C-alpha atoms as a PDB file:
ATOM      1  CA  UNK A   1       0.000   0.000   0.000  1.00  0.00           C
ATOM      2  CA  UNK A   2       1.297   3.440  -0.871  1.00  0.00           C
ATOM      3  CA  UNK A   3       1.646   6.113   1.787  1.00  0.00           C
ATOM      4  CA  UNK A   4      -1.032   8.187   0.059  1.00  0.00           C
ATOM      5  CA  UNK A   5      -3.412   5.234   0.204  1.00  0.00           C
ATOM      6  CA  UNK A   6      -2.680   4.667   3.906  1.00  0.00           C
ATOM      7  CA  UNK A   7      -3.434   8.308   4.671  1.00  0.00           C
ATOM      8  CA  UNK A   8      -6.643   8.177   2.661  1.00  0.00           C
ATOM      9  CA  UNK A   9      -7.812   5.064   4.531  1.00  0.00           C
ATOM     10  CA  UNK A  10      -7.042   6.686   7.867  1.00  0.00           C
ATOM     11  CA  UNK A  11      -8.847   9.846   6.829  1.00  0.00           C
ATOM     12  CA  UNK A  12     -11.988   7.889   6.038  1.00  0.00           C
ATOM     13  CA  UNK A  13     -11.796   5.661   9.117  1.00  0.00           C
ATOM     14  CA  UNK A  14     -11.600   8.738  11.326  1.00  0.00           C
ATOM     15  CA  UNK A  15     -14.307  10.668   9.423  1.00  0.00           C
ATOM     16  CA  UNK A  16     -16.528   7.943   7.951  1.00  0.00           C
ATOM     17  CA  UNK A  17     -19.656   7.951   5.799  1.00  0.00           C
ATOM     18  CA  UNK A  18     -22.772   6.125   6.854  1.00  0.00           C
ATOM     19  CA  UNK A  19     -21.944   3.537   4.237  1.00  0.00           C
ATOM     20  CA  UNK A  20     -19.737   3.005   1.208  1.00  0.00           C
ATOM     21  CA  UNK A  21     -21.084   1.049  -1.743  1.00  0.00           C
ATOM     22  CA  UNK A  22     -19.037  -0.349  -4.609  1.00  0.00           C
ATOM     23  CA  UNK A  23     -20.437   0.095  -8.089  1.00  0.00           C
ATOM     24  CA  UNK A  24     -18.506  -0.606 -11.299  1.00  0.00           C
ATOM     25  CA  UNK A  25     -15.461   1.648 -11.340  1.00  0.00           C
ATOM     26  CA  UNK A  26     -16.383   3.742  -8.292  1.00  0.00           C
ATOM     27  CA  UNK A  27     -16.982   3.787  -4.555  1.00  0.00           C
ATOM     28  CA  UNK A  28     -20.141   5.676  -3.633  1.00  0.00           C
ATOM     29  CA  UNK A  29     -20.618   7.175  -0.179  1.00  0.00           C
ATOM     30  CA  UNK A  30     -23.725   8.142   1.741  1.00  0.00           C
ATOM     31  CA  UNK A  31     -23.046  10.953   4.172  1.00  0.00           C
ATOM     32  CA  UNK A  32     -26.506  11.693   5.604  1.00  0.00           C
ATOM     33  CA  UNK A  33     -25.822  15.421   5.531  1.00  0.00           C
ATOM     34  CA  UNK A  34     -22.320  15.088   6.968  1.00  0.00           C
ATOM     35  CA  UNK A  35     -20.603  17.075   4.226  1.00  0.00           C
ATOM     36  CA  UNK A  36     -18.832  16.525   0.932  1.00  0.00           C
ATOM     37  CA  UNK A  37     -16.039  14.312   2.234  1.00  0.00           C
ATOM     38  CA  UNK A  38     -18.459  11.623   3.410  1.00  0.00           C
ATOM     39  CA  UNK A  39     -20.754  11.970   0.389  1.00  0.00           C
ATOM     40  CA  UNK A  40     -18.416  12.046  -2.623  1.00  0.00           C
ATOM     41  CA  UNK A  41     -17.664   9.184  -4.977  1.00  0.00           C
ATOM     42  CA  UNK A  42     -14.088   8.127  -5.701  1.00  0.00           C
ATOM     43  CA  UNK A  43     -12.682   6.173  -8.608  1.00  0.00           C
ATOM     44  CA  UNK A  44     -11.202   2.706  -8.407  1.00  0.00           C
ATOM     45  CA  UNK A  45      -8.501   1.460 -10.786  1.00  0.00           C
ATOM     46  CA  UNK A  46      -9.917   0.524 -14.169  1.00  0.00           C
ATOM     47  CA  UNK A  47     -12.881   2.899 -14.171  1.00  0.00           C
ATOM     48  CA  UNK A  48     -14.342   3.853 -17.534  1.00  0.00           C
ATOM     49  CA  UNK A  49     -16.002   6.975 -18.896  1.00  0.00           C
ATOM     50  CA  UNK A  50     -19.343   5.178 -19.158  1.00  0.00           C
ATOM     51  CA  UNK A  51     -19.148   4.251 -15.495  1.00  0.00           C
ATOM     52  CA  UNK A  52     -18.941   7.943 -14.559  1.00  0.00           C
ATOM     53  CA  UNK A  53     -22.459   8.426 -15.902  1.00  0.00           C
ATOM     54  CA  UNK A  54     -23.680   5.258 -14.172  1.00  0.00           C
ATOM     55  CA  UNK A  55     -22.232   6.401 -10.847  1.00  0.00           C
ATOM     56  CA  UNK A  56     -23.827   9.818 -11.279  1.00  0.00           C
ATOM     57  CA  UNK A  57     -27.180   8.198 -12.019  1.00  0.00           C
ATOM     58  CA  UNK A  58     -26.907   6.105  -8.866  1.00  0.00           C
ATOM     59  CA  UNK A  59     -26.269   9.235  -6.789  1.00  0.00           C
ATOM     60  CA  UNK A  60     -29.244  10.981  -8.363  1.00  0.00           C
ATOM     61  CA  UNK A  61     -31.418   7.920  -7.729  1.00  0.00           C
ATOM     62  CA  UNK A  62     -30.838   8.224  -4.004  1.00  0.00           C
ATOM     63  CA  UNK A  63     -31.642  11.926  -4.102  1.00  0.00           C
ATOM     64  CA  UNK A  64     -28.126  13.402  -4.153  1.00  0.00           C
ATOM     65  CA  UNK A  65     -26.462  15.634  -6.708  1.00  0.00           C
ATOM     66  CA  UNK A  66     -23.500  13.857  -8.326  1.00  0.00           C
ATOM     67  CA  UNK A  67     -20.258  14.658  -6.505  1.00  0.00           C
ATOM     68  CA  UNK A  68     -16.811  13.175  -7.113  1.00  0.00           C
ATOM     69  CA  UNK A  69     -13.645  13.526  -5.061  1.00  0.00           C
ATOM     70  CA  UNK A  70     -10.675  13.826  -7.414  1.00  0.00           C
ATOM     71  CA  UNK A  71      -7.264  12.943  -5.979  1.00  0.00           C
ATOM     72  CA  UNK A  72      -4.002  14.428  -7.190  1.00  0.00           C
ATOM     73  CA  UNK A  73      -3.250  11.482  -9.473  1.00  0.00           C
ATOM     74  CA  UNK A  74      -6.791  11.253 -10.906  1.00  0.00           C
ATOM     75  CA  UNK A  75      -5.825  13.360 -13.918  1.00  0.00           C
ATOM     76  CA  UNK A  76      -7.853  11.431 -16.475  1.00  0.00           C
ATOM     77  CA  UNK A  77     -10.924  11.456 -14.240  1.00  0.00           C
ATOM     78  CA  UNK A  78     -10.582  15.189 -13.716  1.00  0.00           C
ATOM     79  CA  UNK A  79     -10.450  15.734 -17.472  1.00  0.00           C
ATOM     80  CA  UNK A  80     -13.518  13.573 -18.080  1.00  0.00           C
ATOM     81  CA  UNK A  81     -15.556  15.285 -15.364  1.00  0.00           C
ATOM     82  CA  UNK A  82     -14.594  18.750 -16.576  1.00  0.00           C
ATOM     83  CA  UNK A  83     -15.648  17.794 -20.108  1.00  0.00           C
ATOM     84  CA  UNK A  84     -19.052  16.794 -18.709  1.00  0.00           C
ATOM     85  CA  UNK A  85     -19.476  20.195 -17.095  1.00  0.00           C
ATOM     86  CA  UNK A  86     -18.642  19.243 -13.524  1.00  0.00           C
ATOM     87  CA  UNK A  87     -17.334  22.299 -11.693  1.00  0.00           C
ATOM     88  CA  UNK A  88     -14.324  22.265  -9.389  1.00  0.00           C
ATOM     89  CA  UNK A  89     -15.079  22.781  -5.701  1.00  0.00           C
ATOM     90  CA  UNK A  90     -12.922  23.125  -2.580  1.00  0.00           C
ATOM     91  CA  UNK A  91      -9.325  22.275  -3.514  1.00  0.00           C
ATOM     92  CA  UNK A  92      -8.033  20.654  -0.330  1.00  0.00           C
ATOM     93  CA  UNK A  93      -4.530  20.168   1.069  1.00  0.00           C
ATOM     94  CA  UNK A  94      -3.244  17.443   3.376  1.00  0.00           C
ATOM     95  CA  UNK A  95      -0.811  18.292   6.180  1.00  0.00           C
ATOM     96  CA  UNK A  96       1.165  15.612   8.042  1.00  0.00           C
ATOM     97  CA  UNK A  97       3.701  15.619  10.898  1.00  0.00           C
ATOM     98  CA  UNK A  98       5.333  13.041  13.187  1.00  0.00           C
ATOM     99  CA  UNK A  99       3.573  13.040  16.545  1.00  0.00           C
ATOM    100  CA  UNK A 100       6.992  12.930  18.203  1.00  0.00           C
ATOM    101  CA  UNK A 101       7.741  16.418  16.873  1.00  0.00           C
ATOM    102  CA  UNK A 102       4.870  17.866  18.918  1.00  0.00           C
ATOM    103  CA  UNK A 103       4.400  15.457  21.812  1.00  0.00           C
ATOM    104  CA  UNK A 104       7.330  16.839  23.822  1.00  0.00           C
ATOM    105  CA  UNK A 105       6.053  20.418  23.916  1.00  0.00           C
ATOM    106  CA  UNK A 106       4.535  21.462  27.229  1.00  0.00           C
ATOM    107  CA  UNK A 107       0.978  22.768  26.967  1.00  0.00           C
ATOM    108  CA  UNK A 108       0.101  25.428  29.547  1.00  0.00           C
ATOM    109  CA  UNK A 109      -2.110  24.175  32.363  1.00  0.00           C
ATOM    110  CA  UNK A 110      -5.892  24.272  31.833  1.00  0.00           C
ATOM    111  CA  UNK A 111      -5.436  25.238  28.186  1.00  0.00           C
ATOM    112  CA  UNK A 112      -6.426  22.009  26.386  1.00  0.00           C
ATOM    113  CA  UNK A 113      -8.304  18.941  27.584  1.00  0.00           C
ATOM    114  CA  UNK A 114      -8.875  15.648  25.776  1.00  0.00           C
ATOM    115  CA  UNK A 115     -12.212  14.029  26.574  1.00  0.00           C
ATOM    116  CA  UNK A 116     -14.817  11.765  25.088  1.00  0.00           C
ATOM    117  CA  UNK A 117     -17.675  12.454  24.796  1.00  0.00           C
ATOM    118  CA  UNK A 118     -17.708  16.159  23.936  1.00  0.00           C
ATOM    119  CA  UNK A 119     -19.298  18.564  26.406  1.00  0.00           C
ATOM    120  CA  UNK A 120     -22.382  20.626  25.669  1.00  0.00           C
ATOM    121  CA  UNK A 121     -20.253  23.763  25.289  1.00  0.00           C
ATOM    122  CA  UNK A 122     -18.224  22.034  22.585  1.00  0.00           C
ATOM    123  CA  UNK A 123     -21.362  21.078  20.685  1.00  0.00           C
ATOM    124  CA  UNK A 124     -22.447  24.699  20.926  1.00  0.00           C
ATOM    125  CA  UNK A 125     -19.117  25.931  19.546  1.00  0.00           C
ATOM    126  CA  UNK A 126     -19.275  23.475  16.670  1.00  0.00           C
ATOM    127  CA  UNK A 127     -22.848  24.443  15.881  1.00  0.00           C
ATOM    128  CA  UNK A 128     -21.922  28.139  15.859  1.00  0.00           C
ATOM    129  CA  UNK A 129     -19.157  27.315  13.355  1.00  0.00           C
ATOM    130  CA  UNK A 130     -21.497  25.421  11.031  1.00  0.00           C
ATOM    131  CA  UNK A 131     -20.663  21.929  12.304  1.00  0.00           C
ATOM    132  CA  UNK A 132     -24.168  20.714  13.061  1.00  0.00           C
ATOM    133  CA  UNK A 133     -25.683  17.475  14.258  1.00  0.00           C
ATOM    134  CA  UNK A 134     -25.077  15.649  10.959  1.00  0.00           C
ATOM    135  CA  UNK A 135     -21.332  16.273  11.134  1.00  0.00           C
ATOM    136  CA  UNK A 136     -21.186  15.467  14.815  1.00  0.00           C
ATOM    137  CA  UNK A 137     -22.821  12.158  13.883  1.00  0.00           C
ATOM    138  CA  UNK A 138     -19.744  11.487  11.740  1.00  0.00           C
ATOM    139  CA  UNK A 139     -17.626  11.745  14.907  1.00  0.00           C
ATOM    140  CA  UNK A 140     -19.878   9.240  16.661  1.00  0.00           C
ATOM    141  CA  UNK A 141     -19.378   6.785  13.770  1.00  0.00           C
ATOM    142  CA  UNK A 142     -15.589   7.124  13.729  1.00  0.00           C
ATOM    143  CA  UNK A 143     -13.268   4.389  14.854  1.00  0.00           C
ATOM    144  CA  UNK A 144     -11.769   4.366  18.330  1.00  0.00           C
ATOM    145  CA  UNK A 145      -9.527   5.503  19.886  1.00  0.00           C
ATOM    146  CA  UNK A 146     -11.012   8.962  19.519  1.00  0.00           C
ATOM    147  CA  UNK A 147     -11.284  12.116  21.554  1.00  0.00           C
ATOM    148  CA  UNK A 148     -12.459  15.685  21.476  1.00  0.00           C
ATOM    149  CA  UNK A 149     -10.168  18.545  22.442  1.00  0.00           C
ATOM    150  CA  UNK A 150     -11.587  21.396  24.483  1.00  0.00           C
ATOM    151  CA  UNK A 151      -9.516  24.562  24.357  1.00  0.00           C
ATOM    152  CA  UNK A 152      -9.588  27.310  26.989  1.00  0.00           C
ATOM    153  CA  UNK A 153      -7.965  30.708  27.034  1.00  0.00           C
ATOM    154  CA  UNK A 154      -8.377  33.636  29.414  1.00  0.00           C
ATOM    155  CA  UNK A 155     -10.484  31.369  31.638  1.00  0.00           C
ATOM    156  CA  UNK A 156     -13.084  30.826  28.933  1.00  0.00           C
ATOM    157  CA  UNK A 157     -13.850  27.953  26.549  1.00  0.00           C
ATOM    158  CA  UNK A 158     -12.481  29.043  23.210  1.00  0.00           C
ATOM    159  CA  UNK A 159     -12.124  26.076  20.901  1.00  0.00           C
ATOM    160  CA  UNK A 160     -13.056  22.521  20.116  1.00  0.00           C
ATOM    161  CA  UNK A 161     -11.761  19.783  17.811  1.00  0.00           C
ATOM    162  CA  UNK A 162     -12.087  16.075  17.118  1.00  0.00           C
ATOM    163  CA  UNK A 163      -9.267  13.555  16.736  1.00  0.00           C
ATOM    164  CA  UNK A 164      -9.201   9.821  16.049  1.00  0.00           C
ATOM    165  CA  UNK A 165      -6.509   7.238  15.296  1.00  0.00           C
ATOM    166  CA  UNK A 166      -6.438   4.522  12.641  1.00  0.00           C
ATOM    167  CA  UNK A 167      -3.437   2.281  11.898  1.00  0.00           C
ATOM    168  CA  UNK A 168      -0.943   4.581  13.558  1.00  0.00           C
ATOM    169  CA  UNK A 169      -2.218   7.767  11.909  1.00  0.00           C
ATOM    170  CA  UNK A 170      -4.171  10.387  13.833  1.00  0.00           C
ATOM    171  CA  UNK A 171      -6.438  12.829  12.021  1.00  0.00           C
ATOM    172  CA  UNK A 172      -7.675  16.090  13.514  1.00  0.00           C
ATOM    173  CA  UNK A 173     -11.062  17.163  12.186  1.00  0.00           C
ATOM    174  CA  UNK A 174     -13.535  19.938  12.906  1.00  0.00           C
ATOM    175  CA  UNK A 175     -11.101  22.343  14.574  1.00  0.00           C
ATOM    176  CA  UNK A 176     -13.183  25.361  15.529  1.00  0.00           C
ATOM    177  CA  UNK A 177     -12.060  28.450  17.447  1.00  0.00           C
ATOM    178  CA  UNK A 178     -14.597  30.946  18.775  1.00  0.00           C
ATOM    179  CA  UNK A 179     -14.270  34.180  16.800  1.00  0.00           C
ATOM    180  CA  UNK A 180     -13.515  36.296  19.874  1.00  0.00           C
ATOM    181  CA  UNK A 181     -10.742  33.905  20.948  1.00  0.00           C
ATOM    182  CA  UNK A 182      -8.828  33.710  17.686  1.00  0.00           C
ATOM    183  CA  UNK A 183      -5.262  34.952  17.051  1.00  0.00           C
ATOM    184  CA  UNK A 184      -4.221  34.108  20.613  1.00  0.00           C
ATOM    185  CA  UNK A 185      -2.432  30.805  19.951  1.00  0.00           C
ATOM    186  CA  UNK A 186      -5.191  28.529  21.197  1.00  0.00           C
ATOM    187  CA  UNK A 187      -5.387  26.424  18.025  1.00  0.00           C
ATOM    188  CA  UNK A 188      -1.663  25.729  18.305  1.00  0.00           C
ATOM    189  CA  UNK A 189      -1.991  24.430  21.853  1.00  0.00           C
ATOM    190  CA  UNK A 190      -4.976  22.310  20.886  1.00  0.00           C
ATOM    191  CA  UNK A 191      -3.074  20.701  18.013  1.00  0.00           C
ATOM    192  CA  UNK A 192      -0.154  19.946  20.331  1.00  0.00           C
ATOM    193  CA  UNK A 193      -2.540  18.435  22.882  1.00  0.00           C
ATOM    194  CA  UNK A 194      -4.064  16.303  20.105  1.00  0.00           C
ATOM    195  CA  UNK A 195      -0.612  15.075  19.095  1.00  0.00           C
ATOM    196  CA  UNK A 196       0.238  14.187  22.688  1.00  0.00           C
ATOM    197  CA  UNK A 197      -2.986  12.235  23.084  1.00  0.00           C
ATOM    198  CA  UNK A 198      -2.442  10.531  19.705  1.00  0.00           C
ATOM    199  CA  UNK A 199       1.112   9.500  20.618  1.00  0.00           C
ATOM    200  CA  UNK A 200      -0.200   7.882  23.795  1.00  0.00           C
ATOM    201  CA  UNK A 201      -2.628   5.930  21.597  1.00  0.00           C
ATOM    202  CA  UNK A 202       0.188   4.646  19.388  1.00  0.00           C
ATOM    203  CA  UNK A 203      -0.037   7.105  16.499  1.00  0.00           C
ATOM    204  CA  UNK A 204       3.277   7.933  14.874  1.00  0.00           C
ATOM    205  CA  UNK A 205       1.835  10.623  12.591  1.00  0.00           C
ATOM    206  CA  UNK A 206      -0.810  13.297  12.918  1.00  0.00           C
ATOM    207  CA  UNK A 207      -2.619  14.802   9.946  1.00  0.00           C
ATOM    208  CA  UNK A 208      -5.206  17.390   9.058  1.00  0.00           C
ATOM    209  CA  UNK A 209      -7.015  18.542   5.940  1.00  0.00           C
ATOM    210  CA  UNK A 210      -7.961  22.089   5.024  1.00  0.00           C
ATOM    211  CA  UNK A 211      -9.171  23.830   1.926  1.00  0.00           C
ATOM    212  CA  UNK A 212      -6.734  26.028   0.043  1.00  0.00           C
ATOM    213  CA  UNK A 213      -9.000  28.958   0.868  1.00  0.00           C
ATOM    214  CA  UNK A 214      -8.426  28.407   4.595  1.00  0.00           C
ATOM    215  CA  UNK A 215      -5.111  30.214   4.735  1.00  0.00           C
ATOM    216  CA  UNK A 216      -5.259  30.611   8.532  1.00  0.00           C
ATOM    217  CA  UNK A 217      -5.379  26.846   9.068  1.00  0.00           C
ATOM    218  CA  UNK A 218      -2.633  26.276   6.497  1.00  0.00           C
ATOM    219  CA  UNK A 219      -0.424  28.816   8.264  1.00  0.00           C
ATOM    220  CA  UNK A 220      -1.056  27.103  11.606  1.00  0.00           C
ATOM    221  CA  UNK A 221      -0.029  23.683  10.310  1.00  0.00           C
ATOM    222  CA  UNK A 222       3.033  25.078   8.562  1.00  0.00           C
ATOM    223  CA  UNK A 223       4.076  26.883  11.756  1.00  0.00           C
ATOM    224  CA  UNK A 224       3.785  23.601  13.649  1.00  0.00           C
ATOM    225  CA  UNK A 225       6.089  21.891  11.144  1.00  0.00           C
ATOM    226  CA  UNK A 226       3.502  19.876   9.240  1.00  0.00           C
ATOM    227  CA  UNK A 227       4.556  18.888   5.738  1.00  0.00           C
ATOM    228  CA  UNK A 228       2.195  19.940   2.981  1.00  0.00           C
ATOM    229  CA  UNK A 229       1.181  17.057   0.724  1.00  0.00           C
ATOM    230  CA  UNK A 230      -1.023  16.674  -2.323  1.00  0.00           C
ATOM    231  CA  UNK A 231      -4.687  16.495  -1.502  1.00  0.00           C
ATOM    232  CA  UNK A 232      -7.776  16.524  -3.678  1.00  0.00           C
ATOM    233  CA  UNK A 233     -10.653  18.594  -4.974  1.00  0.00           C
ATOM    234  CA  UNK A 234     -14.259  17.880  -5.773  1.00  0.00           C
ATOM    235  CA  UNK A 235     -16.143  17.987  -9.040  1.00  0.00           C
ATOM    236  CA  UNK A 236     -19.873  18.593  -8.729  1.00  0.00           C
ATOM    237  CA  UNK A 237     -22.655  18.551 -11.268  1.00  0.00           C
ATOM    238  CA  UNK A 238     -23.970  22.000 -12.080  1.00  0.00           C
END
C-alpha cells in the first residue's frame, strides 16, 4: 500500500460515511448530511467513462447531486468530469507531521483537555461554526480511539476539535475556534494536545485537511512543522 493510500484510509476511518457502496469503477458514499467528504464518490482502478455516468445516475437515484472527489493522481478522471461540465469545488490540502515532533512540547495548564464524549459547550461551539448534528454524527461513527479537544484561554472555553486514530495515523477534524478567541495561539496548543494524546494511543503521525482557501489553518499547520502534501478537490454537477 502506498503512503497516500494509507493516509486516505485513515482519513476515512476517522471521518466515515454512513456507508460506502461499490459500483462498477467507483466507490459511492452516503453521508446523511455530513458534508462533501463523506458523500463524494471516488474512482477505483480501471474505471471507464461510461461508469462515470452510471455512478452519477446512482447518486441521483438516491436523491443526491453527483459529486466526485478527485485525488491528485486522478488526472484522467478530472479531465472527463470537466468535459461533462462538472465544476471544481474546494481544492483541499493534506498536512502531516510526526507526533513525536509535537508530543514533547509542554501545553500550559488548563489550556487544552482531551475528553470523550464532547461537552455541551463544545457542541455549541461546533454548531456556531457550522458543524451541526449531521457532522457530529460522523464523529460518533468514527473508529476508536477517539477524543475531542476542548480549548480554553483567558479562563473561557475558546475552541473545540475532534481527533481519532487509525493504523498509527491520527487525524484532527472539525477544529473550531470561537471568533472572539482567535489569534491568541489557542489552536496551536490544541493541536499539540491532540498530538500528545495521539502519541499515547500509538499514532506515529498526525494529519489534518484544510481547503486552500483556509489560509489561517494552512499557516497554523506550517508553523507547527507539518509537511504539505497533495490532496484533492471535488467535481460537482452543475
